[in-house]
Amino acid sequence: MLASLLNTAKLNGLDPEAYLVDVLDRMVSGATKTDQLHELLAWNWKAAREAESQIRARLVPQRCWSGRSGHR
């Protein structure tokens, strides 16, 4: 079963260790309830992380580095 989880993570372009640590932590801590376990499938987990990353990118102001500071 462990090999299946690790290979599925790899096939979905995930870091298997990071995926497994997060999934096990969510299961053991109770952060993910039994009726939400489908959210921990590799492809759903990846989609959720990508969505969180996109939201974070929109919240962080983008800086324009033109090479000039504009201040003297």
N, C-alpha and C. Protein backbone atom coordinates (compact mmCIF):
# COMPACT_ATOMS: atom_id res chain seq x y z
N MET A 1 0.82 -1.19 0.00
CA MET A 1 0.00 0.00 0.00
C MET A 1 0.88 1.26 0.00
N LEU A 2 1.95 1.26 0.78
CA LEU A 2 2.84 2.41 0.85
C LEU A 2 3.47 2.67 -0.52
N ALA A 3 3.90 1.61 -1.18
CA ALA A 3 4.49 1.76 -2.52
C ALA A 3 3.49 2.36 -3.48
N SER A 4 2.24 1.98 -3.37
CA SER A 4 1.20 2.53 -4.23
C SER A 4 1.02 4.02 -4.00
N LEU A 5 1.00 4.44 -2.74
CA LEU A 5 0.87 5.87 -2.41
C LEU A 5 2.05 6.67 -2.95
N LEU A 6 3.25 6.13 -2.74
CA LEU A 6 4.45 6.83 -3.20
C LEU A 6 4.50 6.93 -4.72
N ASN A 7 4.18 5.85 -5.40
CA ASN A 7 4.20 5.86 -6.87
C ASN A 7 3.11 6.77 -7.44
N THR A 8 1.96 6.79 -6.81
CA THR A 8 0.89 7.68 -7.26
C THR A 8 1.31 9.14 -7.09
N ALA A 9 1.97 9.43 -5.99
CA ALA A 9 2.48 10.80 -5.77
C ALA A 9 3.47 11.16 -6.87
N LYS A 10 4.40 10.26 -7.17
CA LYS A 10 5.39 10.51 -8.22
C LYS A 10 4.72 10.72 -9.57
N LEU A 11 3.74 9.87 -9.89
CA LEU A 11 3.05 9.98 -11.18
C LEU A 11 2.29 11.30 -11.31
N ASN A 12 1.93 11.90 -10.19
CA ASN A 12 1.23 13.18 -10.20
C ASN A 12 2.17 14.36 -10.03
N GLY A 13 3.47 14.10 -10.12
CA GLY A 13 4.46 15.17 -10.05
C GLY A 13 4.65 15.76 -8.66
N LEU A 14 4.39 14.96 -7.64
CA LEU A 14 4.51 15.44 -6.27
C LEU A 14 5.80 14.93 -5.63
N ASP A 15 6.26 15.64 -4.62
CA ASP A 15 7.34 15.15 -3.78
C ASP A 15 6.70 14.11 -2.86
N PRO A 16 7.02 12.83 -3.05
CA PRO A 16 6.35 11.78 -2.27
C PRO A 16 6.46 11.96 -0.76
N GLU A 17 7.61 12.41 -0.29
CA GLU A 17 7.79 12.58 1.15
C GLU A 17 6.89 13.70 1.68
N ALA A 18 6.87 14.84 1.00
CA ALA A 18 6.03 15.96 1.43
C ALA A 18 4.55 15.57 1.40
N TYR A 19 4.16 14.86 0.36
CA TYR A 19 2.77 14.42 0.24
C TYR A 19 2.40 13.49 1.39
N LEU A 20 3.23 12.48 1.60
CA LEU A 20 2.92 11.49 2.62
C LEU A 20 2.91 12.10 4.02
N VAL A 21 3.86 12.96 4.32
CA VAL A 21 3.91 13.62 5.63
C VAL A 21 2.63 14.43 5.85
N ASP A 22 2.23 15.21 4.85
CA ASP A 22 1.04 16.04 4.99
C ASP A 22 -0.22 15.19 5.14
N VAL A 23 -0.35 14.18 4.30
CA VAL A 23 -1.54 13.32 4.35
C VAL A 23 -1.65 12.61 5.69
N LEU A 24 -0.55 12.02 6.14
CA LEU A 24 -0.58 11.31 7.43
C LEU A 24 -0.88 12.27 8.58
N ASP A 25 -0.29 13.46 8.52
CA ASP A 25 -0.55 14.46 9.56
C ASP A 25 -2.03 14.84 9.58
N ARG A 26 -2.61 15.05 8.42
CA ARG A 26 -4.03 15.42 8.36
C ARG A 26 -4.93 14.30 8.87
N MET A 27 -4.55 13.06 8.59
CA MET A 27 -5.36 11.93 9.04
C MET A 27 -5.23 11.72 10.56
N VAL A 28 -4.00 11.75 11.06
CA VAL A 28 -3.76 11.50 12.49
C VAL A 28 -4.31 12.63 13.35
N SER A 29 -4.16 13.87 12.89
CA SER A 29 -4.60 15.01 13.69
C SER A 29 -6.12 15.20 13.68
N GLY A 30 -6.77 14.56 12.74
CA GLY A 30 -8.21 14.73 12.62
C GLY A 30 -8.61 15.93 11.79
N ALA A 31 -7.62 16.59 11.17
CA ALA A 31 -7.90 17.76 10.33
C ALA A 31 -8.76 17.38 9.13
N THR A 32 -8.60 16.14 8.68
CA THR A 32 -9.42 15.63 7.57
C THR A 32 -10.31 14.53 8.13
N LYS A 33 -11.60 14.75 8.05
CA LYS A 33 -12.57 13.78 8.56
C LYS A 33 -12.72 12.62 7.57
N THR A 34 -13.29 11.53 8.03
CA THR A 34 -13.42 10.33 7.19
C THR A 34 -14.23 10.59 5.92
N ASP A 35 -15.19 11.51 5.99
CA ASP A 35 -15.98 11.80 4.78
C ASP A 35 -15.26 12.76 3.84
N GLN A 36 -14.04 13.17 4.20
CA GLN A 36 -13.24 14.07 3.37
C GLN A 36 -11.97 13.40 2.85
N LEU A 37 -11.82 12.11 3.06
CA LEU A 37 -10.59 11.43 2.69
C LEU A 37 -10.29 11.52 1.19
N HIS A 38 -11.32 11.68 0.38
CA HIS A 38 -11.09 11.83 -1.07
C HIS A 38 -10.24 13.05 -1.38
N GLU A 39 -10.24 14.04 -0.49
CA GLU A 39 -9.43 15.24 -0.68
C GLU A 39 -7.94 14.94 -0.57
N LEU A 40 -7.59 13.80 0.02
CA LEU A 40 -6.19 13.45 0.22
C LEU A 40 -5.63 12.59 -0.92
N LEU A 41 -6.46 12.24 -1.88
CA LEU A 41 -5.95 11.53 -3.05
C LEU A 41 -4.95 12.44 -3.75
N ALA A 42 -3.91 11.88 -4.29
CA ALA A 42 -2.79 12.67 -4.83
C ALA A 42 -3.24 13.76 -5.79
N TRP A 43 -4.13 13.43 -6.72
CA TRP A 43 -4.55 14.43 -7.71
C TRP A 43 -5.41 15.52 -7.09
N ASN A 44 -6.21 15.21 -6.09
CA ASN A 44 -7.00 16.23 -5.40
C ASN A 44 -6.11 17.07 -4.49
N TRP A 45 -5.16 16.43 -3.82
CA TRP A 45 -4.22 17.13 -2.94
C TRP A 45 -3.41 18.12 -3.75
N LYS A 46 -2.93 17.69 -4.91
CA LYS A 46 -2.14 18.56 -5.79
C LYS A 46 -2.97 19.76 -6.25
N ALA A 47 -4.20 19.51 -6.68
CA ALA A 47 -5.06 20.60 -7.15
C ALA A 47 -5.32 21.61 -6.03
N ALA A 48 -5.51 21.14 -4.81
CA ALA A 48 -5.74 22.04 -3.68
C ALA A 48 -4.50 22.88 -3.39
N ARG A 49 -3.31 22.27 -3.45
CA ARG A 49 -2.07 23.02 -3.21
C ARG A 49 -1.85 24.06 -4.30
N GLU A 50 -2.16 23.70 -5.55
CA GLU A 50 -2.01 24.65 -6.66
C GLU A 50 -2.97 25.82 -6.51
N ALA A 51 -4.21 25.53 -6.10
CA ALA A 51 -5.20 26.59 -5.90
C ALA A 51 -4.76 27.52 -4.78
N GLU A 52 -4.24 26.95 -3.68
CA GLU A 52 -3.74 27.77 -2.57
C GLU A 52 -2.59 28.65 -3.03
N SER A 53 -1.71 28.10 -3.85
CA SER A 53 -0.56 28.84 -4.35
C SER A 53 -1.00 30.01 -5.23
N GLN A 54 -2.00 29.78 -6.06
CA GLN A 54 -2.52 30.85 -6.92
C GLN A 54 -3.17 31.96 -6.10
N ILE A 55 -3.89 31.59 -5.06
CA ILE A 55 -4.52 32.57 -4.20
C ILE A 55 -3.45 33.40 -3.50
N ARG A 56 -2.42 32.73 -2.97
CA ARG A 56 -1.33 33.42 -2.30
C ARG A 56 -0.62 34.38 -3.26
N ALA A 57 -0.43 33.95 -4.50
CA ALA A 57 0.25 34.80 -5.49
C ALA A 57 -0.56 36.06 -5.77
N ARG A 58 -1.88 35.96 -5.75
CA ARG A 58 -2.72 37.14 -5.98
C ARG A 58 -2.73 38.07 -4.78
N LEU A 59 -2.54 37.53 -3.59
CA LEU A 59 -2.58 38.34 -2.38
C LEU A 59 -1.28 39.09 -2.14
N VAL A 60 -0.17 38.55 -2.61
CA VAL A 60 1.13 39.19 -2.42
C VAL A 60 1.32 40.22 -3.52
N PRO A 61 1.55 41.48 -3.13
CA PRO A 61 1.73 42.52 -4.15
C PRO A 61 2.95 42.24 -5.00
N GLN A 62 2.79 42.39 -6.29
CA GLN A 62 3.89 42.18 -7.22
C GLN A 62 4.76 43.43 -7.27
N ARG A 63 6.05 43.26 -7.26
CA ARG A 63 6.98 44.38 -7.34
C ARG A 63 7.55 44.45 -8.75
N CYS A 64 7.65 45.63 -9.21
CA CYS A 64 8.24 45.86 -10.52
C CYS A 64 9.68 46.28 -10.33
N TRP A 65 10.59 45.49 -10.81
CA TRP A 65 12.01 45.78 -10.67
C TRP A 65 12.52 46.29 -12.01
N SER A 66 12.55 47.61 -12.15
CA SER A 66 12.98 48.21 -13.41
C SER A 66 14.46 48.52 -13.43
N GLY A 67 15.11 48.33 -12.30
CA GLY A 67 16.52 48.64 -12.23
C GLY A 67 16.78 50.05 -11.72
N ARG A 68 15.73 50.86 -11.65
CA ARG A 68 15.85 52.21 -11.13
C ARG A 68 14.98 52.33 -9.90
N SER A 69 15.48 53.01 -8.90
CA SER A 69 14.71 53.11 -7.65
C SER A 69 13.71 54.25 -7.68
N GLY A 70 13.95 55.25 -8.50
CA GLY A 70 13.05 56.38 -8.53
C GLY A 70 13.33 57.39 -7.44
N HIS A 71 14.21 57.03 -6.51
CA HIS A 71 14.59 57.94 -5.42
C HIS A 71 16.02 58.38 -5.60
N ARG A 72 16.28 59.60 -5.28
CA ARG A 72 17.66 60.10 -5.37
C ARG A 72 18.12 60.57 -4.03
